[in-house]
Amino acid sequence: MQIYTLFSGSSGNCVYVKDKNTEILIDAGKSAGAIEKSLTALDSSLYNIKSIFLTHEHTDHTAGLEIISKKHHIPVHMTSPSYERIVPSSAFLHSSAKKHDTRYEAEIGSLKVRSFEIPHDSMMNVGYIIENEEGERFGIATDMGHVTNEIEESLTGCNYALIESNHDIPMLKSGPYPYFLKQRILSDRGHLSNECCAELVTRLARSGTSQFTLAHLSRENNTPDKAFSVTRAALDDCGFTSVKLNVASPIVSTLVHK
């Protein structure tokens, strides 16, 4: 399984997964042109994408869907609440959108995709477990206000995981955001801090996850060095010095290093 973050952060999110002849995207939070350019750099194209799986309806995860649906007619899988929020006002997405219950499964070529619920201030937010025929499992969980039992149980046993490490709490509290926005980010339906991310990562490492990518970092309230150092220290303190860790770039970066 090949996994890349095409974009990561509040300005846009998109993850590319390839296994054999099956290629999918998780979210499409940049323009269709930007996504196509990133895929071209990986010797692929939107013409190769079999399906798109949407986590939730916020713009930094959906920005490219309208034009992609108009030009490529790629099936876009999403939960019913997200469907009801974005599809009725769309000119082209209705023909591509596939509505599902919150917890659903889909088989796309050599990949099985399963959703799980994540608490966030959207109509509905889900993470995904993606598994190939060889049993490799990749988990993605971002935009989460706190870690629930369902999130941890879903991610347990994954080979690779993409986990949100959104903010450094002191930076957020002393930063330029208005008070209401700071409270939103810090709430149980906001975003995950570096420290909470590190706690989750160490627990998942105990279950055998060998590689992690930290994602959805805030430009204003975090730095790649801060996010990396907090989780790296937590892993090392627990004896997981061989566990691989990297931070997703705002542009194309490799998640899996074999």
Protein backbone atom coordinates (compact mmCIF):
# COMPACT_ATOMS: atom_id res chain seq x y z
CA MET A 1 0.00 0.00 0.00
CA GLN A 2 1.33 3.45 -0.98
CA ILE A 3 0.03 6.39 1.04
CA TYR A 4 0.70 10.09 0.55
CA THR A 5 -0.69 13.27 2.04
CA LEU A 6 -1.26 15.57 -0.92
CA PHE A 7 -2.29 18.43 1.37
CA SER A 8 -2.57 18.78 5.13
CA GLY A 9 -3.69 21.66 7.34
CA SER A 10 -6.44 24.22 7.70
CA SER A 11 -5.89 25.40 4.09
CA GLY A 12 -6.79 21.99 2.68
CA ASN A 13 -6.61 18.24 3.24
CA CYS A 14 -6.31 15.32 0.84
CA VAL A 15 -4.79 11.84 1.24
CA TYR A 16 -3.92 9.56 -1.69
CA VAL A 17 -3.90 5.78 -1.30
CA LYS A 18 -2.73 3.34 -3.98
CA ASP A 19 -2.78 -0.44 -3.82
CA LYS A 20 -2.12 -2.49 -6.96
CA ASN A 21 -4.51 -0.97 -9.54
CA THR A 22 -6.78 0.70 -6.98
CA GLU A 23 -6.37 4.41 -6.25
CA ILE A 24 -8.57 6.42 -3.89
CA LEU A 25 -8.60 9.78 -2.13
CA ILE A 26 -9.61 10.64 1.40
CA ASP A 27 -11.10 14.15 1.16
CA ALA A 28 -10.54 16.71 -1.60
CA GLY A 29 -9.91 19.95 0.25
CA LYS A 30 -8.06 21.79 -2.50
CA SER A 31 -9.03 22.80 -6.01
CA ALA A 32 -9.32 20.09 -8.65
CA GLY A 33 -6.35 21.63 -10.45
CA ALA A 34 -4.15 21.56 -7.34
CA ILE A 35 -5.08 17.94 -6.62
CA GLU A 36 -4.38 16.96 -10.24
CA LYS A 37 -0.98 18.67 -10.07
CA SER A 38 -0.07 16.77 -6.90
CA LEU A 39 -1.20 13.47 -8.37
CA THR A 40 0.82 14.15 -11.53
CA ALA A 41 3.91 14.52 -9.35
CA LEU A 42 3.22 10.96 -8.18
CA ASP A 43 2.70 9.68 -11.76
CA SER A 44 -1.05 9.51 -11.33
CA SER A 45 -4.15 11.54 -12.20
CA LEU A 46 -7.72 12.14 -11.15
CA TYR A 47 -8.60 9.91 -14.10
CA ASN A 48 -7.15 6.99 -12.11
CA ILE A 49 -9.09 7.65 -8.89
CA LYS A 50 -11.78 5.04 -8.29
CA SER A 51 -13.51 6.71 -5.33
CA ILE A 52 -13.26 9.61 -2.92
CA PHE A 53 -14.12 9.14 0.76
CA LEU A 54 -15.20 12.27 2.61
CA THR A 55 -14.54 12.68 6.34
CA HIS A 56 -16.86 15.68 6.82
CA GLU A 57 -18.33 18.67 5.08
CA HIS A 58 -15.99 21.50 6.09
CA THR A 59 -14.47 23.38 3.16
CA ASP A 60 -10.87 22.40 3.89
CA HIS A 61 -11.97 18.82 3.12
CA THR A 62 -14.43 19.44 0.26
CA ALA A 63 -13.17 22.41 -1.81
CA GLY A 64 -12.41 20.40 -4.95
CA LEU A 65 -15.45 18.13 -5.01
CA GLU A 66 -17.70 20.24 -7.20
CA ILE A 67 -15.31 20.55 -10.15
CA ILE A 68 -14.04 16.99 -9.72
CA SER A 69 -17.65 15.78 -9.90
CA LYS A 70 -18.30 17.92 -12.96
CA LYS A 71 -15.23 16.75 -14.88
CA HIS A 72 -14.55 13.24 -13.63
CA HIS A 73 -17.76 11.83 -12.11
CA ILE A 74 -15.81 9.98 -9.41
CA PRO A 75 -18.04 8.37 -6.74
CA VAL A 76 -17.86 10.40 -3.52
CA HIS A 77 -18.72 8.41 -0.40
CA MET A 78 -20.01 10.36 2.60
CA THR A 79 -22.25 10.05 5.62
CA SER A 80 -25.90 11.05 5.43
CA PRO A 81 -25.49 14.21 7.59
CA SER A 82 -22.66 15.49 5.38
CA TYR A 83 -24.69 14.62 2.30
CA GLU A 84 -27.66 16.64 3.53
CA ARG A 85 -25.46 19.65 4.26
CA ILE A 86 -23.55 19.93 0.98
CA VAL A 87 -25.29 18.00 -1.79
CA PRO A 88 -28.66 19.82 -2.08
CA SER A 89 -26.92 23.12 -2.88
CA SER A 90 -24.45 21.54 -5.30
CA ALA A 91 -24.78 21.74 -9.06
CA PHE A 92 -22.79 18.59 -9.89
CA LEU A 93 -22.01 16.64 -6.72
CA HIS A 94 -25.47 15.06 -6.52
CA SER A 95 -24.66 12.79 -9.47
CA SER A 96 -21.48 11.46 -7.80
CA ALA A 97 -22.40 11.44 -4.11
CA LYS A 98 -22.97 8.12 -2.36
CA LYS A 99 -24.87 8.49 0.92
CA HIS A 100 -24.10 6.15 3.82
CA ASP A 101 -24.84 5.61 7.48
CA THR A 102 -22.21 6.99 9.85
CA ARG A 103 -20.55 3.61 10.21
CA TYR A 104 -20.27 1.93 6.82
CA GLU A 105 -18.02 -0.32 4.77
CA ALA A 106 -17.15 -0.24 1.08
CA GLU A 107 -14.97 -2.38 -1.17
CA ILE A 108 -13.09 -0.58 -3.93
CA GLY A 109 -10.88 -2.85 -5.99
CA SER A 110 -8.28 -4.39 -3.69
CA LEU A 111 -9.20 -2.13 -0.77
CA LYS A 112 -11.76 -2.37 2.01
CA VAL A 113 -12.74 0.93 3.62
CA ARG A 114 -14.54 1.20 6.97
CA SER A 115 -15.65 4.37 8.73
CA PHE A 116 -15.84 5.24 12.41
CA GLU A 117 -17.25 8.29 14.18
CA ILE A 118 -15.08 11.20 15.34
CA PRO A 119 -16.32 14.08 17.56
CA HIS A 120 -16.02 17.42 15.75
CA ASP A 121 -18.15 20.55 15.28
CA SER A 122 -19.46 19.40 11.91
CA MET A 123 -22.70 17.73 10.95
CA MET A 124 -20.81 14.44 11.16
CA ASN A 125 -17.13 13.55 11.04
CA VAL A 126 -15.63 10.12 10.43
CA GLY A 127 -12.23 8.52 10.25
CA TYR A 128 -11.38 5.57 8.03
CA ILE A 129 -9.62 2.23 8.23
CA ILE A 130 -8.30 1.09 4.85
CA GLU A 131 -7.17 -2.51 4.45
CA ASN A 132 -5.71 -4.31 1.45
CA GLU A 133 -5.82 -7.99 0.50
CA GLU A 134 -2.50 -8.65 2.23
CA GLY A 135 -3.90 -7.41 5.53
CA GLU A 136 -2.05 -4.09 5.67
CA ARG A 137 -4.17 -1.56 7.55
CA PHE A 138 -4.01 2.23 7.41
CA GLY A 139 -6.01 4.44 9.77
CA ILE A 140 -6.79 8.12 9.44
CA ALA A 141 -8.24 10.27 12.23
CA THR A 142 -8.22 14.07 12.13
CA ASP A 143 -10.44 16.97 13.22
CA MET A 144 -11.21 15.39 16.59
CA GLY A 145 -12.00 17.27 19.77
CA HIS A 146 -11.09 14.30 21.94
CA VAL A 147 -10.18 10.65 21.65
CA THR A 148 -13.11 8.29 22.18
CA ASN A 149 -13.07 4.55 22.81
CA GLU A 150 -14.41 4.03 19.29
CA ILE A 151 -11.52 5.96 17.75
CA GLU A 152 -8.89 4.08 19.70
CA GLU A 153 -10.49 0.68 19.13
CA SER A 154 -10.84 1.38 15.40
CA LEU A 155 -7.19 2.40 15.04
CA THR A 156 -5.79 -0.40 17.21
CA GLY A 157 -3.81 -2.87 15.14
CA CYS A 158 -3.22 -0.58 12.16
CA ASN A 159 0.19 -0.81 10.52
CA TYR A 160 0.20 2.91 9.70
CA ALA A 161 -1.80 5.82 11.08
CA LEU A 162 -2.36 9.47 10.22
CA ILE A 163 -3.28 11.33 13.43
CA GLU A 164 -4.18 14.96 14.02
CA SER A 165 -1.67 17.02 16.01
CA ASN A 166 -3.36 20.37 15.52
CA HIS A 167 -2.09 22.79 18.14
CA ASP A 168 0.31 23.64 20.90
CA ILE A 169 -1.91 24.73 23.79
CA PRO A 170 0.29 27.63 25.05
CA MET A 171 0.64 28.95 21.48
CA LEU A 172 -3.11 28.77 20.97
CA LYS A 173 -3.96 30.47 24.27
CA SER A 174 -1.50 33.33 23.72
CA GLY A 175 -2.07 33.59 19.98
CA PRO A 176 -4.07 35.98 17.78
CA TYR A 177 -7.31 33.99 17.52
CA PRO A 178 -10.42 35.53 19.10
CA TYR A 179 -11.57 33.99 22.38
CA PHE A 180 -14.58 32.18 20.89
CA LEU A 181 -12.38 30.47 18.30
CA LYS A 182 -9.84 29.41 20.92
CA GLN A 183 -12.65 27.88 22.96
CA ARG A 184 -13.98 26.09 19.91
CA ILE A 185 -10.59 24.54 19.13
CA LEU A 186 -10.05 23.51 22.76
CA SER A 187 -13.53 22.01 23.13
CA ASP A 188 -14.45 18.33 23.01
CA ARG A 189 -15.65 18.93 19.44
CA GLY A 190 -12.66 20.96 18.31
CA HIS A 191 -9.16 19.79 17.44
CA LEU A 192 -6.54 17.57 19.06
CA SER A 193 -3.53 19.09 20.82
CA ASN A 194 0.04 17.84 20.49
CA GLU A 195 -0.09 16.32 23.96
CA CYS A 196 -3.36 14.45 23.36
CA CYS A 197 -2.04 13.21 20.03
CA ALA A 198 1.11 11.91 21.72
CA GLU A 199 -0.95 10.01 24.29
CA LEU A 200 -2.98 8.32 21.57
CA VAL A 201 0.08 7.50 19.48
CA THR A 202 1.87 5.77 22.34
CA ARG A 203 -1.18 3.64 23.09
CA LEU A 204 -1.46 2.65 19.41
CA ALA A 205 2.25 1.84 19.31
CA ARG A 206 1.61 -0.72 22.04
CA SER A 207 -0.86 -2.44 19.72
CA GLY A 208 1.75 -2.71 16.97
CA THR A 209 1.39 0.42 14.82
CA SER A 210 4.87 0.97 13.43
CA GLN A 211 4.54 4.26 11.54
CA PHE A 212 2.73 7.50 12.31
CA THR A 213 2.24 10.74 10.44
CA LEU A 214 1.15 13.84 12.34
CA ALA A 215 -1.34 15.88 10.34
CA HIS A 216 -3.66 18.88 10.22
CA LEU A 217 -1.17 21.15 12.04
CA SER A 218 -2.34 24.70 12.63
CA ARG A 219 -0.22 27.33 10.87
CA GLU A 220 -0.84 29.87 13.63
CA ASN A 221 -0.90 27.65 16.72
CA ASN A 222 1.72 24.99 16.10
CA THR A 223 4.99 24.20 14.37
CA PRO A 224 6.20 20.95 12.81
CA ASP A 225 9.10 20.87 15.28
CA LYS A 226 6.79 21.23 18.31
CA ALA A 227 4.37 18.57 17.10
CA PHE A 228 7.17 16.15 16.25
CA SER A 229 9.16 16.66 19.46
CA VAL A 230 6.18 16.10 21.78
CA THR A 231 5.15 12.79 20.18
CA ARG A 232 8.73 11.62 19.54
CA ALA A 233 9.58 12.17 23.21
CA ALA A 234 6.46 10.30 24.33
CA LEU A 235 7.30 7.34 22.08
CA ASP A 236 10.92 7.24 23.20
CA ASP A 237 9.99 7.50 26.89
CA CYS A 238 7.76 4.43 26.44
CA GLY A 239 10.52 2.48 24.71
CA PHE A 240 9.18 2.79 21.16
CA THR A 241 12.39 4.19 19.72
CA SER A 242 12.04 2.15 16.51
CA VAL A 243 8.56 3.46 15.70
CA LYS A 244 8.75 5.76 12.68
CA LEU A 245 7.29 9.26 12.97
CA ASN A 246 6.99 12.09 10.47
CA VAL A 247 4.97 15.26 10.03
CA ALA A 248 2.77 15.81 6.99
CA SER A 249 3.81 18.71 4.81
CA PRO A 250 1.18 21.20 3.58
CA ILE A 251 2.07 19.77 0.15
CA VAL A 252 2.87 16.23 -1.07
CA SER A 253 4.60 14.04 1.50
CA THR A 254 5.08 10.31 1.87
CA LEU A 255 3.34 8.62 4.78
CA VAL A 256 4.74 5.09 4.52
CA HIS A 257 8.52 4.56 4.56
CA LYS A 258 9.43 0.89 4.03
